[in-house]
Structure formats: C-alpha cells, structure tokens
Amino acid sequence: MAMIGVLGGMGPMATADLFVKMIENTKAQTDQEHLSILIYNNPHIPSRIDAILHGTLSPEAELVRSAKLLERSGADFIVIPCNTAHFWFAAVQKAVTIPVLHIIDTVAEHLLQSQKYEAQEIMLFATEATIRTGLYQQRLSQKGLAFLTPQPEEQNLISQAIAEVKGGQLKGSPCLEQIRAIMERYRSKGVKAFIAGCTEIPLLFAKVQGDFKTVDPTLLLAQRAVQLARKLERQEQERRALCIRV
C-alpha cells in the first residue's frame, strides 16, 4: 500500500485541513479502502516568515530532519502544507530519495488546465514572506501566468488574519469583513479569482461572506497526493500480478 507523508505543523490547523481534504477526495466505501497517511505535525519548525523577513533561525534543518523522518517511516512521497516553506523546497527534496510534491507547481498546472486568465484577473493572498521571495511569481511566470498582489496596508491585514488562524482565532475574526471588502474591491476592478497562497487562507476564505471564485492550493495538493498514491498502488498491484504469473 502506498503511504503519503505529510510534513506538517505549519500550522496545525492547515495540516488538519489538508488531511480532511485528502479524505474527502478519496473514493472509499470502508475504512480499509482509504489511503495510508503518515502525518508528522512538527510544531518545532522555526517560523518561515521570521526567517525570511527578519533573519531569525532558518527552518531548513528542521524541515530536512522532518522529511528524513517521514522517509525512514515508510512514506512513498511527501507533501508540505505550507506555501512559505517551499522557499527551502530544493534542500528538502535533495535530502530525501522520495518525491516531494510542490504545492505551487500544482497551482500552476491547475490554472493552465482550467480557464485561461489574463493579467490582472488573478490575485494572490499569501504571507508577506511568500510574496517577497517571489515563490509564486517565479513558478507561475514560467507558465506565462501573471497576477496581482495586495497593497502594503492590505497585506498587513492579511498577515494579521493568518496569525489569528495560527492562534486558533478563526471564529469571529474581526479581519473577515475587511478581507471581504478587499476582495469585493478587486473584483469590481476585474479580478476573477483569488489564490489562497497560504495554507491558513482557505480556512479564512471559507468564512468570508460573498460569492468569490477562489483557488485553493491545499485542495489541489490533496487531490494530487490522492491521485499519486492511487497510481502507486495500481503499479504495485500490477507488479505483484506479474510476479505471480512468472
């Protein structure tokens, strides 16, 4: 059986959100038909945001250690429910022999396969660190995709909202109405979709009142992980069948 490894804890609610979405996107009638998922919810990974913006302790060593732990524990591949952590993606992938799925590449593939958006028609909501490092800009521009990012005062509000989710303050967040107002303002200017480029943001978007089209990287990563796990299971079944015939 294939095993999905989840390098989580950044933060725990975002990790739980990925787990739920993997379950919801798995076709199964019984417990036994579900996928094997190994979650390492590591809350000791240093802040990715502070490391990038303020030069504090890098999370790279702890990310690498966590990935190696998942590999030793039997994971066939790894998913990371944290967009900003992908700043260290290359180091994590280099440290293990199993694949690590890239959440932003998954978003780019989805956007290319779906409706083609013109420049100024997609907006990215993410951490300030993710935007500053150009994680989405670099990967999406390679695919010919362009998008808007918030103004500084808008980004401050988004960062505050992300921090509230990490602190377990999602219910009744005073930021929700302000975020809705930002989204409404940009929609009136022609923005057709909002990318939830931080794994806390899909949890926020679910609480925002309004009929907005959003792109959920956590959901896309969950779907891709389920598809890959099922593919690996089919390949293993075919290999066993071949061995029996031989």
C-alpha atoms as a PDB file:
ATOM      1  CA  MET A   1       0.000   0.000   0.000  1.00  0.00           C
ATOM      2  CA  ALA A   2       1.217   3.475  -0.831  1.00  0.00           C
ATOM      3  CA  MET A   3       1.829   5.844   2.056  1.00  0.00           C
ATOM      4  CA  ILE A   4       1.545   9.631   1.874  1.00  0.00           C
ATOM      5  CA  GLY A   5       3.917  11.547   4.139  1.00  0.00           C
ATOM      6  CA  VAL A   6       2.714  14.913   5.425  1.00  0.00           C
ATOM      7  CA  LEU A   7       5.368  17.324   6.679  1.00  0.00           C
ATOM      8  CA  GLY A   8       3.038  19.392   8.832  1.00  0.00           C
ATOM      9  CA  GLY A   9       2.748  21.667  11.830  1.00  0.00           C
ATOM     10  CA  MET A  10       2.956  24.927   9.843  1.00  0.00           C
ATOM     11  CA  GLY A  11       0.412  25.452  11.339  1.00  0.00           C
ATOM     12  CA  PRO A  12      -1.576  22.563  12.809  1.00  0.00           C
ATOM     13  CA  MET A  13      -4.971  23.776  11.532  1.00  0.00           C
ATOM     14  CA  ALA A  14      -3.605  23.952   7.981  1.00  0.00           C
ATOM     15  CA  THR A  15      -2.209  20.426   8.366  1.00  0.00           C
ATOM     16  CA  ALA A  16      -5.591  19.184   9.580  1.00  0.00           C
ATOM     17  CA  ASP A  17      -7.250  20.933   6.628  1.00  0.00           C
ATOM     18  CA  LEU A  18      -5.021  19.032   4.178  1.00  0.00           C
ATOM     19  CA  PHE A  19      -5.782  15.740   5.943  1.00  0.00           C
ATOM     20  CA  VAL A  20      -9.538  16.328   5.739  1.00  0.00           C
ATOM     21  CA  LYS A  21      -9.321  17.276   2.060  1.00  0.00           C
ATOM     22  CA  MET A  22      -7.329  14.138   1.237  1.00  0.00           C
ATOM     23  CA  ILE A  23     -10.008  12.026   2.917  1.00  0.00           C
ATOM     24  CA  GLU A  24     -12.831  13.891   1.179  1.00  0.00           C
ATOM     25  CA  ASN A  25     -11.176  13.339  -2.197  1.00  0.00           C
ATOM     26  CA  THR A  26     -10.587   9.620  -1.719  1.00  0.00           C
ATOM     27  CA  LYS A  27     -13.149   7.229  -3.180  1.00  0.00           C
ATOM     28  CA  ALA A  28     -13.720   4.651  -0.468  1.00  0.00           C
ATOM     29  CA  GLN A  29     -16.642   2.702   0.965  1.00  0.00           C
ATOM     30  CA  THR A  30     -14.889   1.302   4.031  1.00  0.00           C
ATOM     31  CA  ASP A  31     -12.042   2.205   6.374  1.00  0.00           C
ATOM     32  CA  GLN A  32      -9.838  -0.309   4.619  1.00  0.00           C
ATOM     33  CA  GLU A  33     -10.276   1.376   1.228  1.00  0.00           C
ATOM     34  CA  HIS A  34      -8.793   4.658   2.427  1.00  0.00           C
ATOM     35  CA  LEU A  35      -5.170   5.648   1.933  1.00  0.00           C
ATOM     36  CA  SER A  36      -2.323   5.265   4.400  1.00  0.00           C
ATOM     37  CA  ILE A  37      -1.297   8.756   5.511  1.00  0.00           C
ATOM     38  CA  LEU A  38       1.585   9.447   7.879  1.00  0.00           C
ATOM     39  CA  ILE A  39       1.356  12.944   9.400  1.00  0.00           C
ATOM     40  CA  TYR A  40       4.299  14.471  11.239  1.00  0.00           C
ATOM     41  CA  ASN A  41       2.788  17.548  12.889  1.00  0.00           C
ATOM     42  CA  ASN A  42       6.034  19.206  13.912  1.00  0.00           C
ATOM     43  CA  PRO A  43       5.367  22.451  15.820  1.00  0.00           C
ATOM     44  CA  HIS A  44       9.081  22.992  16.426  1.00  0.00           C
ATOM     45  CA  ILE A  45       9.891  24.100  12.880  1.00  0.00           C
ATOM     46  CA  PRO A  46      11.104  27.706  13.217  1.00  0.00           C
ATOM     47  CA  SER A  47       8.974  30.466  11.725  1.00  0.00           C
ATOM     48  CA  ARG A  48       9.403  30.601   7.963  1.00  0.00           C
ATOM     49  CA  ILE A  49       8.088  34.161   7.894  1.00  0.00           C
ATOM     50  CA  ASP A  50      10.500  35.462  10.558  1.00  0.00           C
ATOM     51  CA  ALA A  51      13.459  33.682   8.958  1.00  0.00           C
ATOM     52  CA  ILE A  52      12.810  35.378   5.614  1.00  0.00           C
ATOM     53  CA  LEU A  53      11.744  38.810   6.824  1.00  0.00           C
ATOM     54  CA  HIS A  54      13.917  39.209   9.929  1.00  0.00           C
ATOM     55  CA  GLY A  55      16.816  36.782   9.538  1.00  0.00           C
ATOM     56  CA  THR A  56      15.888  34.602  12.527  1.00  0.00           C
ATOM     57  CA  LEU A  57      16.737  30.901  12.808  1.00  0.00           C
ATOM     58  CA  SER A  58      16.282  29.129   9.473  1.00  0.00           C
ATOM     59  CA  PRO A  59      13.753  26.274   9.410  1.00  0.00           C
ATOM     60  CA  GLU A  60      15.802  24.385   6.817  1.00  0.00           C
ATOM     61  CA  ALA A  61      17.469  21.938   9.213  1.00  0.00           C
ATOM     62  CA  GLU A  62      14.181  21.044  10.903  1.00  0.00           C
ATOM     63  CA  LEU A  63      12.379  20.710   7.571  1.00  0.00           C
ATOM     64  CA  VAL A  64      15.098  18.373   6.320  1.00  0.00           C
ATOM     65  CA  ARG A  65      15.060  16.349   9.545  1.00  0.00           C
ATOM     66  CA  SER A  66      11.281  16.016   9.319  1.00  0.00           C
ATOM     67  CA  ALA A  67      11.412  14.885   5.699  1.00  0.00           C
ATOM     68  CA  LYS A  68      14.032  12.263   6.513  1.00  0.00           C
ATOM     69  CA  LEU A  69      11.907  11.012   9.397  1.00  0.00           C
ATOM     70  CA  LEU A  70       8.931  10.561   7.058  1.00  0.00           C
ATOM     71  CA  GLU A  71      11.082   8.724   4.526  1.00  0.00           C
ATOM     72  CA  ARG A  72      12.512   6.381   7.169  1.00  0.00           C
ATOM     73  CA  SER A  73       8.985   5.743   8.420  1.00  0.00           C
ATOM     74  CA  GLY A  74       7.874   4.424   5.045  1.00  0.00           C
ATOM     75  CA  ALA A  75       6.406   7.396   3.180  1.00  0.00           C
ATOM     76  CA  ASP A  76       6.447   6.958  -0.600  1.00  0.00           C
ATOM     77  CA  PHE A  77       6.319  10.707  -1.206  1.00  0.00           C
ATOM     78  CA  ILE A  78       5.923  13.908   0.823  1.00  0.00           C
ATOM     79  CA  VAL A  79       3.537  16.848   0.773  1.00  0.00           C
ATOM     80  CA  ILE A  80       4.128  20.088   2.668  1.00  0.00           C
ATOM     81  CA  PRO A  81       1.019  22.071   3.691  1.00  0.00           C
ATOM     82  CA  CYS A  82       2.853  25.387   3.933  1.00  0.00           C
ATOM     83  CA  ASN A  83       3.492  27.640   0.954  1.00  0.00           C
ATOM     84  CA  THR A  84       6.272  29.725   2.539  1.00  0.00           C
ATOM     85  CA  ALA A  85       8.200  26.563   3.490  1.00  0.00           C
ATOM     86  CA  HIS A  86       8.674  25.944  -0.232  1.00  0.00           C
ATOM     87  CA  PHE A  87      11.418  28.581  -0.127  1.00  0.00           C
ATOM     88  CA  TRP A  88      13.514  25.641   1.159  1.00  0.00           C
ATOM     89  CA  PHE A  89      11.960  23.098  -1.209  1.00  0.00           C
ATOM     90  CA  ALA A  90      15.209  22.313  -3.043  1.00  0.00           C
ATOM     91  CA  ALA A  91      17.034  21.489   0.194  1.00  0.00           C
ATOM     92  CA  VAL A  92      14.217  19.226   1.373  1.00  0.00           C
ATOM     93  CA  GLN A  93      13.998  17.366  -1.944  1.00  0.00           C
ATOM     94  CA  LYS A  94      17.777  16.938  -2.072  1.00  0.00           C
ATOM     95  CA  ALA A  95      17.784  15.404   1.409  1.00  0.00           C
ATOM     96  CA  VAL A  96      15.448  12.512   0.550  1.00  0.00           C
ATOM     97  CA  THR A  97      15.205   9.968  -2.250  1.00  0.00           C
ATOM     98  CA  ILE A  98      11.395  10.012  -2.439  1.00  0.00           C
ATOM     99  CA  PRO A  99       9.473  12.711  -4.354  1.00  0.00           C
ATOM    100  CA  VAL A 100       8.304  15.896  -2.659  1.00  0.00           C
ATOM    101  CA  LEU A 101       5.279  17.430  -4.358  1.00  0.00           C
ATOM    102  CA  HIS A 102       5.487  21.176  -4.998  1.00  0.00           C
ATOM    103  CA  ILE A 103       2.307  22.976  -3.989  1.00  0.00           C
ATOM    104  CA  ILE A 104       2.872  25.994  -6.260  1.00  0.00           C
ATOM    105  CA  ASP A 105       3.569  23.854  -9.322  1.00  0.00           C
ATOM    106  CA  THR A 106       0.270  22.142  -8.587  1.00  0.00           C
ATOM    107  CA  VAL A 107      -1.478  25.531  -8.678  1.00  0.00           C
ATOM    108  CA  ALA A 108       0.220  26.479 -11.943  1.00  0.00           C
ATOM    109  CA  GLU A 109      -0.855  23.217 -13.593  1.00  0.00           C
ATOM    110  CA  HIS A 110      -4.434  23.751 -12.426  1.00  0.00           C
ATOM    111  CA  LEU A 111      -4.597  27.302 -13.771  1.00  0.00           C
ATOM    112  CA  LEU A 112      -3.236  26.205 -17.128  1.00  0.00           C
ATOM    113  CA  GLN A 113      -5.721  23.346 -17.406  1.00  0.00           C
ATOM    114  CA  SER A 114      -8.691  25.494 -16.398  1.00  0.00           C
ATOM    115  CA  GLN A 115      -9.847  28.791 -17.829  1.00  0.00           C
ATOM    116  CA  LYS A 116      -7.010  30.974 -19.113  1.00  0.00           C
ATOM    117  CA  TYR A 117      -6.818  34.096 -17.006  1.00  0.00           C
ATOM    118  CA  GLU A 118      -5.464  37.321 -18.395  1.00  0.00           C
ATOM    119  CA  ALA A 119      -3.082  39.593 -16.491  1.00  0.00           C
ATOM    120  CA  GLN A 120      -4.787  41.474 -13.665  1.00  0.00           C
ATOM    121  CA  GLU A 121      -7.517  38.799 -13.408  1.00  0.00           C
ATOM    122  CA  ILE A 122      -5.917  36.705 -10.634  1.00  0.00           C
ATOM    123  CA  MET A 123      -4.907  37.970  -7.190  1.00  0.00           C
ATOM    124  CA  LEU A 124      -2.588  36.270  -4.713  1.00  0.00           C
ATOM    125  CA  PHE A 125      -3.286  36.309  -0.988  1.00  0.00           C
ATOM    126  CA  ALA A 126      -0.245  34.930   0.884  1.00  0.00           C
ATOM    127  CA  THR A 127       2.216  35.701   3.648  1.00  0.00           C
ATOM    128  CA  GLU A 128       4.421  38.714   3.153  1.00  0.00           C
ATOM    129  CA  ALA A 129       7.401  36.361   3.063  1.00  0.00           C
ATOM    130  CA  THR A 130       5.904  34.282   0.241  1.00  0.00           C
ATOM    131  CA  ILE A 131       5.262  37.406  -1.797  1.00  0.00           C
ATOM    132  CA  ARG A 132       8.664  38.966  -1.091  1.00  0.00           C
ATOM    133  CA  THR A 133      10.568  35.840  -2.092  1.00  0.00           C
ATOM    134  CA  GLY A 134       8.612  35.598  -5.332  1.00  0.00           C
ATOM    135  CA  LEU A 135       7.709  31.942  -4.850  1.00  0.00           C
ATOM    136  CA  TYR A 136       4.500  32.257  -6.842  1.00  0.00           C
ATOM    137  CA  GLN A 137       5.862  34.901  -9.214  1.00  0.00           C
ATOM    138  CA  GLN A 138       8.761  32.682 -10.299  1.00  0.00           C
ATOM    139  CA  ARG A 139       6.794  29.459 -10.785  1.00  0.00           C
ATOM    140  CA  LEU A 140       3.712  30.995 -12.403  1.00  0.00           C
ATOM    141  CA  SER A 141       5.597  33.385 -14.676  1.00  0.00           C
ATOM    142  CA  GLN A 142       7.409  30.365 -16.135  1.00  0.00           C
ATOM    143  CA  LYS A 143       3.968  29.183 -17.236  1.00  0.00           C
ATOM    144  CA  GLY A 144       3.014  32.584 -18.638  1.00  0.00           C
ATOM    145  CA  LEU A 145       0.663  33.384 -15.748  1.00  0.00           C
ATOM    146  CA  ALA A 146       0.518  36.837 -14.185  1.00  0.00           C
ATOM    147  CA  PHE A 147      -1.377  38.055 -11.122  1.00  0.00           C
ATOM    148  CA  LEU A 148      -1.889  40.931  -8.697  1.00  0.00           C
ATOM    149  CA  THR A 149      -0.626  41.172  -5.112  1.00  0.00           C
ATOM    150  CA  PRO A 150      -2.099  43.285  -2.291  1.00  0.00           C
ATOM    151  CA  GLN A 151      -1.006  46.790  -1.411  1.00  0.00           C
ATOM    152  CA  PRO A 152       1.102  47.132   1.796  1.00  0.00           C
ATOM    153  CA  GLU A 153      -1.810  48.122   4.030  1.00  0.00           C
ATOM    154  CA  GLU A 154      -3.888  45.260   2.615  1.00  0.00           C
ATOM    155  CA  GLN A 155      -1.008  42.845   3.156  1.00  0.00           C
ATOM    156  CA  ASN A 156      -0.769  43.913   6.805  1.00  0.00           C
ATOM    157  CA  LEU A 157      -4.399  42.921   7.293  1.00  0.00           C
ATOM    158  CA  ILE A 158      -3.912  39.578   5.517  1.00  0.00           C
ATOM    159  CA  SER A 159      -0.846  38.852   7.676  1.00  0.00           C
ATOM    160  CA  GLN A 160      -2.863  39.632  10.801  1.00  0.00           C
ATOM    161  CA  ALA A 161      -5.623  37.285   9.677  1.00  0.00           C
ATOM    162  CA  ILE A 162      -3.113  34.483   9.019  1.00  0.00           C
ATOM    163  CA  ALA A 163      -1.675  34.954  12.514  1.00  0.00           C
ATOM    164  CA  GLU A 164      -5.164  34.723  14.008  1.00  0.00           C
ATOM    165  CA  VAL A 165      -5.786  31.379  12.308  1.00  0.00           C
ATOM    166  CA  LYS A 166      -2.455  30.055  13.587  1.00  0.00           C
ATOM    167  CA  GLY A 167      -3.533  31.175  17.049  1.00  0.00           C
ATOM    168  CA  GLY A 168      -6.861  29.354  16.814  1.00  0.00           C
ATOM    169  CA  GLN A 169      -8.891  32.549  16.462  1.00  0.00           C
ATOM    170  CA  LEU A 170     -10.695  31.757  13.227  1.00  0.00           C
ATOM    171  CA  LYS A 171     -14.211  32.043  14.637  1.00  0.00           C
ATOM    172  CA  GLY A 172     -15.362  35.627  14.889  1.00  0.00           C
ATOM    173  CA  SER A 173     -12.159  37.082  13.463  1.00  0.00           C
ATOM    174  CA  PRO A 174     -12.519  40.863  13.064  1.00  0.00           C
ATOM    175  CA  CYS A 175     -10.452  40.575   9.870  1.00  0.00           C
ATOM    176  CA  LEU A 176     -13.085  38.626   7.947  1.00  0.00           C
ATOM    177  CA  GLU A 177     -15.225  41.591   6.974  1.00  0.00           C
ATOM    178  CA  GLN A 178     -12.175  43.636   6.000  1.00  0.00           C
ATOM    179  CA  ILE A 179     -10.865  40.806   3.834  1.00  0.00           C
ATOM    180  CA  ARG A 180     -14.281  40.536   2.201  1.00  0.00           C
ATOM    181  CA  ALA A 181     -14.125  44.265   1.447  1.00  0.00           C
ATOM    182  CA  ILE A 182     -10.679  43.896  -0.163  1.00  0.00           C
ATOM    183  CA  MET A 183     -11.902  41.026  -2.324  1.00  0.00           C
ATOM    184  CA  GLU A 184     -15.020  42.939  -3.343  1.00  0.00           C
ATOM    185  CA  ARG A 185     -12.952  45.973  -4.272  1.00  0.00           C
ATOM    186  CA  TYR A 186     -10.629  43.995  -6.528  1.00  0.00           C
ATOM    187  CA  ARG A 187     -13.474  42.027  -8.050  1.00  0.00           C
ATOM    188  CA  SER A 188     -15.033  45.327  -9.093  1.00  0.00           C
ATOM    189  CA  LYS A 189     -11.729  46.102 -10.842  1.00  0.00           C
ATOM    190  CA  GLY A 190     -11.819  42.886 -12.871  1.00  0.00           C
ATOM    191  CA  VAL A 191     -10.183  40.259 -10.648  1.00  0.00           C
ATOM    192  CA  LYS A 192     -11.874  36.916 -11.351  1.00  0.00           C
ATOM    193  CA  ALA A 193     -10.116  34.606  -8.895  1.00  0.00           C
ATOM    194  CA  PHE A 194      -8.196  34.792  -5.617  1.00  0.00           C
ATOM    195  CA  ILE A 195      -5.358  32.349  -4.878  1.00  0.00           C
ATOM    196  CA  ALA A 196      -5.210  31.251  -1.244  1.00  0.00           C
ATOM    197  CA  GLY A 197      -1.409  31.198  -1.268  1.00  0.00           C
ATOM    198  CA  CYS A 198      -1.016  30.455   2.434  1.00  0.00           C
ATOM    199  CA  THR A 199      -2.456  27.256   3.878  1.00  0.00           C
ATOM    200  CA  GLU A 200      -4.295  29.237   6.569  1.00  0.00           C
ATOM    201  CA  ILE A 201      -6.128  31.312   3.956  1.00  0.00           C
ATOM    202  CA  PRO A 202      -8.502  28.592   2.650  1.00  0.00           C
ATOM    203  CA  LEU A 203      -9.784  28.396   6.224  1.00  0.00           C
ATOM    204  CA  LEU A 204     -10.364  32.153   6.130  1.00  0.00           C
ATOM    205  CA  PHE A 205     -11.979  32.144   2.699  1.00  0.00           C
ATOM    206  CA  ALA A 206     -14.461  29.545   3.943  1.00  0.00           C
ATOM    207  CA  LYS A 207     -15.685  32.098   6.496  1.00  0.00           C
ATOM    208  CA  VAL A 208     -15.761  35.152   4.219  1.00  0.00           C
ATOM    209  CA  GLN A 209     -19.274  36.110   3.163  1.00  0.00           C
ATOM    210  CA  GLY A 210     -19.671  36.543  -0.590  1.00  0.00           C
ATOM    211  CA  ASP A 211     -19.660  34.631  -3.850  1.00  0.00           C
ATOM    212  CA  PHE A 212     -15.974  34.812  -4.736  1.00  0.00           C
ATOM    213  CA  LYS A 213     -14.078  32.439  -7.041  1.00  0.00           C
ATOM    214  CA  THR A 214     -11.047  31.132  -5.187  1.00  0.00           C
ATOM    215  CA  VAL A 215      -8.153  28.797  -5.958  1.00  0.00           C
ATOM    216  CA  ASP A 216      -7.315  26.524  -3.018  1.00  0.00           C
ATOM    217  CA  PRO A 217      -3.733  25.176  -3.202  1.00  0.00           C
ATOM    218  CA  THR A 218      -4.367  22.913  -0.211  1.00  0.00           C
ATOM    219  CA  LEU A 219      -7.251  21.237  -2.034  1.00  0.00           C
ATOM    220  CA  LEU A 220      -5.228  20.907  -5.235  1.00  0.00           C
ATOM    221  CA  LEU A 221      -2.310  19.386  -3.308  1.00  0.00           C
ATOM    222  CA  ALA A 222      -4.681  16.960  -1.580  1.00  0.00           C
ATOM    223  CA  GLN A 223      -6.150  15.855  -4.905  1.00  0.00           C
ATOM    224  CA  ARG A 224      -2.720  15.419  -6.459  1.00  0.00           C
ATOM    225  CA  ALA A 225      -1.499  13.392  -3.464  1.00  0.00           C
ATOM    226  CA  VAL A 226      -4.511  11.074  -3.643  1.00  0.00           C
ATOM    227  CA  GLN A 227      -4.035  10.592  -7.393  1.00  0.00           C
ATOM    228  CA  LEU A 228      -0.345   9.759  -6.986  1.00  0.00           C
ATOM    229  CA  ALA A 229      -0.995   7.368  -4.110  1.00  0.00           C
ATOM    230  CA  ARG A 230      -3.624   5.516  -6.122  1.00  0.00           C
ATOM    231  CA  LYS A 231      -1.254   5.364  -9.094  1.00  0.00           C
ATOM    232  CA  LEU A 232       1.484   3.859  -6.925  1.00  0.00           C
ATOM    233  CA  GLU A 233      -0.994   1.310  -5.571  1.00  0.00           C
ATOM    234  CA  ARG A 234      -2.023   0.275  -9.090  1.00  0.00           C
ATOM    235  CA  GLN A 235       1.617  -0.088 -10.105  1.00  0.00           C
ATOM    236  CA  GLU A 236       2.276  -2.282  -7.065  1.00  0.00           C
ATOM    237  CA  GLN A 237      -0.739  -4.457  -7.856  1.00  0.00           C
ATOM    238  CA  GLU A 238       0.447  -4.877 -11.449  1.00  0.00           C
ATOM    239  CA  ARG A 239       3.948  -5.755 -10.263  1.00  0.00           C
ATOM    240  CA  ARG A 240       2.597  -8.407  -7.905  1.00  0.00           C
ATOM    241  CA  ALA A 241       0.349  -9.842 -10.589  1.00  0.00           C
ATOM    242  CA  LEU A 242       3.322 -10.092 -12.935  1.00  0.00           C
ATOM    243  CA  CYS A 243       5.402 -11.855 -10.282  1.00  0.00           C
ATOM    244  CA  ILE A 244       2.612 -14.380  -9.731  1.00  0.00           C
ATOM    245  CA  ARG A 245       2.370 -15.136 -13.461  1.00  0.00           C
ATOM    246  CA  VAL A 246       6.128 -15.535 -13.725  1.00  0.00           C
END
